[in-house]
């Protein structure tokens, strides 16, 4: 499984919707699909499944607000 598939599967599990896989520009925070606790859970899952460590202090809501942006950030760190 590649980074994009893994991140999208994690997001689908956390948000409870496959819409994150269909619309990569979905505004996760604005739509109420992700909050700060959900972001921490996302980072834990990314580290566990992809071995990519992302410090919470490095996460800005603007640059991690859509599935596409999250995938881009994880790819840049891997």
PDB file of N, CA and C in Angstrom:
ATOM      1  N   UNK A   1       0.854  -1.188   0.000  1.00  0.00           N
ATOM      2  CA  UNK A   1       0.000   0.000   0.000  1.00  0.00           C
ATOM      3  C   UNK A   1       0.895   1.245   0.000  1.00  0.00           C
ATOM      4  N   UNK A   2       0.547   2.221  -0.814  1.00  0.00           N
ATOM      5  CA  UNK A   2       1.360   3.431  -0.879  1.00  0.00           C
ATOM      6  C   UNK A   2       0.883   4.463   0.157  1.00  0.00           C
ATOM      7  N   UNK A   3       1.600   5.571   0.221  1.00  0.00           N
ATOM      8  CA  UNK A   3       1.298   6.600   1.218  1.00  0.00           C
ATOM      9  C   UNK A   3      -0.112   7.141   1.033  1.00  0.00           C
ATOM     10  N   UNK A   4      -0.493   7.451  -0.203  1.00  0.00           N
ATOM     11  CA  UNK A   4      -1.820   8.018  -0.438  1.00  0.00           C
ATOM     12  C   UNK A   4      -2.916   7.063   0.027  1.00  0.00           C
ATOM     13  N   UNK A   5      -2.833   5.811  -0.361  1.00  0.00           N
ATOM     14  CA  UNK A   5      -3.851   4.828   0.042  1.00  0.00           C
ATOM     15  C   UNK A   5      -3.924   4.697   1.549  1.00  0.00           C
ATOM     16  N   UNK A   6      -2.761   4.617   2.182  1.00  0.00           N
ATOM     17  CA  UNK A   6      -2.716   4.446   3.632  1.00  0.00           C
ATOM     18  C   UNK A   6      -3.326   5.644   4.344  1.00  0.00           C
ATOM     19  N   UNK A   7      -2.942   6.851   3.944  1.00  0.00           N
ATOM     20  CA  UNK A   7      -3.479   8.065   4.570  1.00  0.00           C
ATOM     21  C   UNK A   7      -4.993   8.139   4.368  1.00  0.00           C
ATOM     22  N   UNK A   8      -5.457   7.841   3.167  1.00  0.00           N
ATOM     23  CA  UNK A   8      -6.898   7.904   2.897  1.00  0.00           C
ATOM     24  C   UNK A   8      -7.660   6.857   3.706  1.00  0.00           C
ATOM     25  N   UNK A   9      -7.092   5.681   3.865  1.00  0.00           N
ATOM     26  CA  UNK A   9      -7.743   4.657   4.690  1.00  0.00           C
ATOM     27  C   UNK A   9      -7.801   5.079   6.152  1.00  0.00           C
ATOM     28  N   UNK A  10      -6.721   5.666   6.650  1.00  0.00           N
ATOM     29  CA  UNK A  10      -6.706   6.167   8.030  1.00  0.00           C
ATOM     30  C   UNK A  10      -7.768   7.252   8.190  1.00  0.00           C
ATOM     31  N   UNK A  11      -7.810   8.188   7.255  1.00  0.00           N
ATOM     32  CA  UNK A  11      -8.806   9.271   7.326  1.00  0.00           C
ATOM     33  C   UNK A  11     -10.233   8.732   7.277  1.00  0.00           C
ATOM     34  N   UNK A  12     -10.475   7.760   6.414  1.00  0.00           N
ATOM     35  CA  UNK A  12     -11.815   7.181   6.315  1.00  0.00           C
ATOM     36  C   UNK A  12     -12.214   6.526   7.634  1.00  0.00           C
ATOM     37  N   UNK A  13     -11.272   5.840   8.268  1.00  0.00           N
ATOM     38  CA  UNK A  13     -11.557   5.205   9.559  1.00  0.00           C
ATOM     39  C   UNK A  13     -11.838   6.248  10.636  1.00  0.00           C
ATOM     40  N   UNK A  14     -11.021   7.302  10.670  1.00  0.00           N
ATOM     41  CA  UNK A  14     -11.166   8.329  11.707  1.00  0.00           C
ATOM     42  C   UNK A  14     -12.427   9.172  11.533  1.00  0.00           C
ATOM     43  N   UNK A  15     -12.764   9.475  10.282  1.00  0.00           N
ATOM     44  CA  UNK A  15     -13.910  10.358  10.031  1.00  0.00           C
ATOM     45  C   UNK A  15     -15.216   9.594   9.870  1.00  0.00           C
ATOM     46  N   UNK A  16     -15.115   8.301   9.594  1.00  0.00           N
ATOM     47  CA  UNK A  16     -16.320   7.498   9.410  1.00  0.00           C
ATOM     48  C   UNK A  16     -16.987   7.689   8.063  1.00  0.00           C
ATOM     49  N   UNK A  17     -16.255   8.233   7.087  1.00  0.00           N
ATOM     50  CA  UNK A  17     -16.827   8.437   5.762  1.00  0.00           C
ATOM     51  C   UNK A  17     -15.786   8.195   4.672  1.00  0.00           C
ATOM     52  N   UNK A  18     -16.241   7.602   3.565  1.00  0.00           N
ATOM     53  CA  UNK A  18     -15.369   7.403   2.416  1.00  0.00           C
ATOM     54  C   UNK A  18     -15.280   8.652   1.548  1.00  0.00           C
ATOM     55  N   UNK A  19     -16.012   9.687   1.922  1.00  0.00           N
ATOM     56  CA  UNK A  19     -15.971  10.934   1.158  1.00  0.00           C
ATOM     57  C   UNK A  19     -14.551  11.491   1.093  1.00  0.00           C
ATOM     58  N   UNK A  20     -13.746  11.196   2.124  1.00  0.00           N
ATOM     59  CA  UNK A  20     -12.360  11.678   2.130  1.00  0.00           C
ATOM     60  C   UNK A  20     -11.544  11.051   1.001  1.00  0.00           C
ATOM     61  N   UNK A  21     -11.958   9.877   0.531  1.00  0.00           N
ATOM     62  CA  UNK A  21     -11.263   9.211  -0.572  1.00  0.00           C
ATOM     63  C   UNK A  21     -11.725   9.747  -1.926  1.00  0.00           C
ATOM     64  N   UNK A  22     -12.948  10.251  -1.970  1.00  0.00           N
ATOM     65  CA  UNK A  22     -13.544  10.717  -3.220  1.00  0.00           C
ATOM     66  C   UNK A  22     -13.264  12.185  -3.506  1.00  0.00           C
ATOM     67  N   UNK A  23     -13.115  12.978  -2.455  1.00  0.00           N
ATOM     68  CA  UNK A  23     -12.886  14.415  -2.605  1.00  0.00           C
ATOM     69  C   UNK A  23     -11.624  14.793  -1.835  1.00  0.00           C
ATOM     70  N   UNK A  24     -10.501  14.825  -2.531  1.00  0.00           N
ATOM     71  CA  UNK A  24      -9.229  15.096  -1.863  1.00  0.00           C
ATOM     72  C   UNK A  24      -9.082  16.544  -1.418  1.00  0.00           C
ATOM     73  N   UNK A  25     -10.000  17.405  -1.848  1.00  0.00           N
ATOM     74  CA  UNK A  25      -9.981  18.810  -1.423  1.00  0.00           C
ATOM     75  C   UNK A  25     -11.014  19.102  -0.338  1.00  0.00           C
ATOM     76  N   UNK A  26     -11.571  18.065   0.246  1.00  0.00           N
ATOM     77  CA  UNK A  26     -12.571  18.214   1.301  1.00  0.00           C
ATOM     78  C   UNK A  26     -11.961  18.923   2.508  1.00  0.00           C
ATOM     79  N   UNK A  27     -12.604  19.992   2.951  1.00  0.00           N
ATOM     80  CA  UNK A  27     -12.123  20.760   4.107  1.00  0.00           C
ATOM     81  C   UNK A  27     -12.506  20.014   5.386  1.00  0.00           C
ATOM     82  N   UNK A  28     -11.578  19.219   5.890  1.00  0.00           N
ATOM     83  CA  UNK A  28     -11.865  18.305   6.998  1.00  0.00           C
ATOM     84  C   UNK A  28     -12.307  19.015   8.270  1.00  0.00           C
ATOM     85  N   UNK A  29     -11.660  20.107   8.617  1.00  0.00           N
ATOM     86  CA  UNK A  29     -12.017  20.829   9.839  1.00  0.00           C
ATOM     87  C   UNK A  29     -13.330  21.593   9.660  1.00  0.00           C
ATOM     88  N   UNK A  30     -13.469  22.268   8.522  1.00  0.00           N
ATOM     89  CA  UNK A  30     -14.675  23.055   8.259  1.00  0.00           C
ATOM     90  C   UNK A  30     -15.923  22.181   8.193  1.00  0.00           C
ATOM     91  N   UNK A  31     -15.773  20.959   7.695  1.00  0.00           N
ATOM     92  CA  UNK A  31     -16.905  20.030   7.584  1.00  0.00           C
ATOM     93  C   UNK A  31     -17.174  19.289   8.892  1.00  0.00           C
ATOM     94  N   UNK A  32     -16.345  19.531   9.908  1.00  0.00           N
ATOM     95  CA  UNK A  32     -16.532  18.873  11.201  1.00  0.00           C
ATOM     96  C   UNK A  32     -16.105  17.415  11.210  1.00  0.00           C
ATOM     97  N   UNK A  33     -15.307  17.020  10.230  1.00  0.00           N
ATOM     98  CA  UNK A  33     -14.860  15.635  10.146  1.00  0.00           C
ATOM     99  C   UNK A  33     -13.598  15.377  10.953  1.00  0.00           C
ATOM    100  N   UNK A  34     -12.868  16.423  11.244  1.00  0.00           N
ATOM    101  CA  UNK A  34     -11.616  16.288  11.990  1.00  0.00           C
ATOM    102  C   UNK A  34     -11.514  17.445  12.971  1.00  0.00           C
ATOM    103  N   UNK A  35     -11.060  17.129  14.176  1.00  0.00           N
ATOM    104  CA  UNK A  35     -10.816  18.157  15.178  1.00  0.00           C
ATOM    105  C   UNK A  35      -9.414  17.929  15.737  1.00  0.00           C
ATOM    106  N   UNK A  36      -9.039  18.650  16.772  1.00  0.00           N
ATOM    107  CA  UNK A  36      -7.669  18.539  17.275  1.00  0.00           C
ATOM    108  C   UNK A  36      -7.367  17.139  17.813  1.00  0.00           C
ATOM    109  N   UNK A  37      -8.331  16.523  18.471  1.00  0.00           N
ATOM    110  CA  UNK A  37      -8.120  15.158  18.962  1.00  0.00           C
ATOM    111  C   UNK A  37      -7.992  14.190  17.788  1.00  0.00           C
ATOM    112  N   UNK A  38      -8.816  14.371  16.779  1.00  0.00           N
ATOM    113  CA  UNK A  38      -8.742  13.546  15.586  1.00  0.00           C
ATOM    114  C   UNK A  38      -7.408  13.707  14.880  1.00  0.00           C
ATOM    115  N   UNK A  39      -6.861  14.909  14.897  1.00  0.00           N
ATOM    116  CA  UNK A  39      -5.560  15.149  14.274  1.00  0.00           C
ATOM    117  C   UNK A  39      -4.468  14.388  15.017  1.00  0.00           C
ATOM    118  N   UNK A  40      -4.537  14.378  16.332  1.00  0.00           N
ATOM    119  CA  UNK A  40      -3.552  13.621  17.116  1.00  0.00           C
ATOM    120  C   UNK A  40      -3.673  12.129  16.792  1.00  0.00           C
ATOM    121  N   UNK A  41      -4.896  11.629  16.713  1.00  0.00           N
ATOM    122  CA  UNK A  41      -5.105  10.229  16.350  1.00  0.00           C
ATOM    123  C   UNK A  41      -4.554   9.946  14.956  1.00  0.00           C
ATOM    124  N   UNK A  42      -4.756  10.865  14.029  1.00  0.00           N
ATOM    125  CA  UNK A  42      -4.238  10.725  12.675  1.00  0.00           C
ATOM    126  C   UNK A  42      -2.716  10.613  12.690  1.00  0.00           C
ATOM    127  N   UNK A  43      -2.061  11.479  13.443  1.00  0.00           N
ATOM    128  CA  UNK A  43      -0.599  11.461  13.502  1.00  0.00           C
ATOM    129  C   UNK A  43      -0.075  10.170  14.115  1.00  0.00           C
ATOM    130  N   UNK A  44      -0.760   9.672  15.129  1.00  0.00           N
ATOM    131  CA  UNK A  44      -0.370   8.403  15.757  1.00  0.00           C
ATOM    132  C   UNK A  44      -0.489   7.262  14.751  1.00  0.00           C
ATOM    133  N   UNK A  45      -1.578   7.241  13.990  1.00  0.00           N
ATOM    134  CA  UNK A  45      -1.781   6.197  12.983  1.00  0.00           C
ATOM    135  C   UNK A  45      -0.766   6.303  11.849  1.00  0.00           C
ATOM    136  N   UNK A  46      -0.470   7.519  11.428  1.00  0.00           N
ATOM    137  CA  UNK A  46       0.529   7.713  10.366  1.00  0.00           C
ATOM    138  C   UNK A  46       1.887   7.191  10.824  1.00  0.00           C
ATOM    139  N   UNK A  47       2.241   7.512  12.062  1.00  0.00           N
ATOM    140  CA  UNK A  47       3.523   7.031  12.588  1.00  0.00           C
ATOM    141  C   UNK A  47       3.533   5.506  12.699  1.00  0.00           C
ATOM    142  N   UNK A  48       2.432   4.944  13.173  1.00  0.00           N
ATOM    143  CA  UNK A  48       2.358   3.501  13.342  1.00  0.00           C
ATOM    144  C   UNK A  48       2.346   2.728  12.035  1.00  0.00           C
ATOM    145  N   UNK A  49       1.631   3.236  11.037  1.00  0.00           N
ATOM    146  CA  UNK A  49       1.471   2.506   9.785  1.00  0.00           C
ATOM    147  C   UNK A  49       2.514   2.845   8.727  1.00  0.00           C
ATOM    148  N   UNK A  50       3.054   4.055   8.787  1.00  0.00           N
ATOM    149  CA  UNK A  50       3.997   4.483   7.754  1.00  0.00           C
ATOM    150  C   UNK A  50       5.390   4.792   8.299  1.00  0.00           C
ATOM    151  N   UNK A  51       5.550   4.714   9.618  1.00  0.00           N
ATOM    152  CA  UNK A  51       6.834   5.034  10.264  1.00  0.00           C
ATOM    153  C   UNK A  51       7.306   6.443   9.931  1.00  0.00           C
ATOM    154  N   UNK A  52       6.350   7.362   9.832  1.00  0.00           N
ATOM    155  CA  UNK A  52       6.652   8.776   9.587  1.00  0.00           C
ATOM    156  C   UNK A  52       6.247   9.536  10.846  1.00  0.00           C
ATOM    157  N   UNK A  53       7.241  10.102  11.507  1.00  0.00           N
ATOM    158  CA  UNK A  53       6.983  10.829  12.751  1.00  0.00           C
ATOM    159  C   UNK A  53       6.713  12.301  12.452  1.00  0.00           C
ATOM    160  N   UNK A  54       5.570  12.772  12.934  1.00  0.00           N
ATOM    161  CA  UNK A  54       5.191  14.172  12.739  1.00  0.00           C
ATOM    162  C   UNK A  54       4.893  14.770  14.109  1.00  0.00           C
ATOM    163  N   UNK A  55       5.752  15.668  14.594  1.00  0.00           N
ATOM    164  CA  UNK A  55       5.482  16.302  15.882  1.00  0.00           C
ATOM    165  C   UNK A  55       4.203  17.153  15.817  1.00  0.00           C
ATOM    166  N   UNK A  56       3.363  17.038  16.814  1.00  0.00           N
ATOM    167  CA  UNK A  56       2.112  17.792  16.850  1.00  0.00           C
ATOM    168  C   UNK A  56       2.392  19.290  16.722  1.00  0.00           C
ATOM    169  N   UNK A  57       3.498  19.730  17.287  1.00  0.00           N
ATOM    170  CA  UNK A  57       3.840  21.158  17.232  1.00  0.00           C
ATOM    171  C   UNK A  57       4.134  21.630  15.808  1.00  0.00           C
ATOM    172  N   UNK A  58       4.404  20.710  14.892  1.00  0.00           N
ATOM    173  CA  UNK A  58       4.702  21.042  13.505  1.00  0.00           C
ATOM    174  C   UNK A  58       3.451  21.113  12.622  1.00  0.00           C
ATOM    175  N   UNK A  59       2.309  20.718  13.178  1.00  0.00           N
ATOM    176  CA  UNK A  59       1.087  20.627  12.386  1.00  0.00           C
ATOM    177  C   UNK A  59       0.312  21.938  12.455  1.00  0.00           C
ATOM    178  N   UNK A  60       0.123  22.549  11.289  1.00  0.00           N
ATOM    179  CA  UNK A  60      -0.703  23.748  11.193  1.00  0.00           C
ATOM    180  C   UNK A  60      -1.995  23.368  10.488  1.00  0.00           C
ATOM    181  N   UNK A  61      -3.084  23.797  11.041  1.00  0.00           N
ATOM    182  CA  UNK A  61      -4.394  23.433  10.505  1.00  0.00           C
ATOM    183  C   UNK A  61      -4.528  23.745   9.016  1.00  0.00           C
ATOM    184  N   UNK A  62      -3.983  24.867   8.599  1.00  0.00           N
ATOM    185  CA  UNK A  62      -4.078  25.279   7.191  1.00  0.00           C
ATOM    186  C   UNK A  62      -3.368  24.303   6.258  1.00  0.00           C
ATOM    187  N   UNK A  63      -2.190  23.838   6.663  1.00  0.00           N
ATOM    188  CA  UNK A  63      -1.416  22.964   5.782  1.00  0.00           C
ATOM    189  C   UNK A  63      -1.775  21.484   5.936  1.00  0.00           C
ATOM    190  N   UNK A  64      -2.692  21.165   6.842  1.00  0.00           N
ATOM    191  CA  UNK A  64      -3.142  19.786   7.065  1.00  0.00           C
ATOM    192  C   UNK A  64      -4.666  19.707   6.978  1.00  0.00           C
ATOM    193  N   UNK A  65      -5.307  20.619   6.265  1.00  0.00           N
ATOM    194  CA  UNK A  65      -6.762  20.738   6.293  1.00  0.00           C
ATOM    195  C   UNK A  65      -7.551  19.900   5.306  1.00  0.00           C
ATOM    196  N   UNK A  66      -6.881  19.302   4.317  1.00  0.00           N
ATOM    197  CA  UNK A  66      -7.588  18.477   3.333  1.00  0.00           C
ATOM    198  C   UNK A  66      -6.829  17.166   3.153  1.00  0.00           C
ATOM    199  N   UNK A  67      -7.478  16.134   2.657  1.00  0.00           N
ATOM    200  CA  UNK A  67      -6.755  14.880   2.400  1.00  0.00           C
ATOM    201  C   UNK A  67      -5.535  15.094   1.501  1.00  0.00           C
ATOM    202  N   UNK A  68      -5.680  15.920   0.460  1.00  0.00           N
ATOM    203  CA  UNK A  68      -4.570  16.174  -0.466  1.00  0.00           C
ATOM    204  C   UNK A  68      -3.385  16.805   0.261  1.00  0.00           C
ATOM    205  N   UNK A  69      -3.658  17.769   1.126  1.00  0.00           N
ATOM    206  CA  UNK A  69      -2.589  18.447   1.861  1.00  0.00           C
ATOM    207  C   UNK A  69      -1.917  17.496   2.851  1.00  0.00           C
ATOM    208  N   UNK A  70      -2.703  16.645   3.496  1.00  0.00           N
ATOM    209  CA  UNK A  70      -2.140  15.684   4.446  1.00  0.00           C
ATOM    210  C   UNK A  70      -1.209  14.719   3.713  1.00  0.00           C
ATOM    211  N   UNK A  71      -1.662  14.204   2.580  1.00  0.00           N
ATOM    212  CA  UNK A  71      -0.836  13.281   1.786  1.00  0.00           C
ATOM    213  C   UNK A  71       0.468  13.970   1.382  1.00  0.00           C
ATOM    214  N   UNK A  72       0.378  15.204   0.934  1.00  0.00           N
ATOM    215  CA  UNK A  72       1.559  15.956   0.522  1.00  0.00           C
ATOM    216  C   UNK A  72       2.534  16.137   1.673  1.00  0.00           C
ATOM    217  N   UNK A  73       2.023  16.468   2.844  1.00  0.00           N
ATOM    218  CA  UNK A  73       2.873  16.659   4.025  1.00  0.00           C
ATOM    219  C   UNK A  73       3.576  15.359   4.422  1.00  0.00           C
ATOM    220  N   UNK A  74       2.829  14.263   4.413  1.00  0.00           N
ATOM    221  CA  UNK A  74       3.402  12.963   4.798  1.00  0.00           C
ATOM    222  C   UNK A  74       4.454  12.537   3.774  1.00  0.00           C
ATOM    223  N   UNK A  75       4.165  12.732   2.493  1.00  0.00           N
ATOM    224  CA  UNK A  75       5.149  12.380   1.459  1.00  0.00           C
ATOM    225  C   UNK A  75       6.434  13.195   1.613  1.00  0.00           C
ATOM    226  N   UNK A  76       6.303  14.456   1.973  1.00  0.00           N
ATOM    227  CA  UNK A  76       7.466  15.319   2.154  1.00  0.00           C
ATOM    228  C   UNK A  76       8.319  14.881   3.340  1.00  0.00           C
ATOM    229  N   UNK A  77       7.693  14.279   4.334  1.00  0.00           N
ATOM    230  CA  UNK A  77       8.398  13.856   5.542  1.00  0.00           C
ATOM    231  C   UNK A  77       8.946  12.439   5.460  1.00  0.00           C
ATOM    232  N   UNK A  78       8.503  11.688   4.464  1.00  0.00           N
ATOM    233  CA  UNK A  78       8.933  10.279   4.403  1.00  0.00           C
ATOM    234  C   UNK A  78      10.224  10.103   3.620  1.00  0.00           C
TER     235      UNK A  78
END
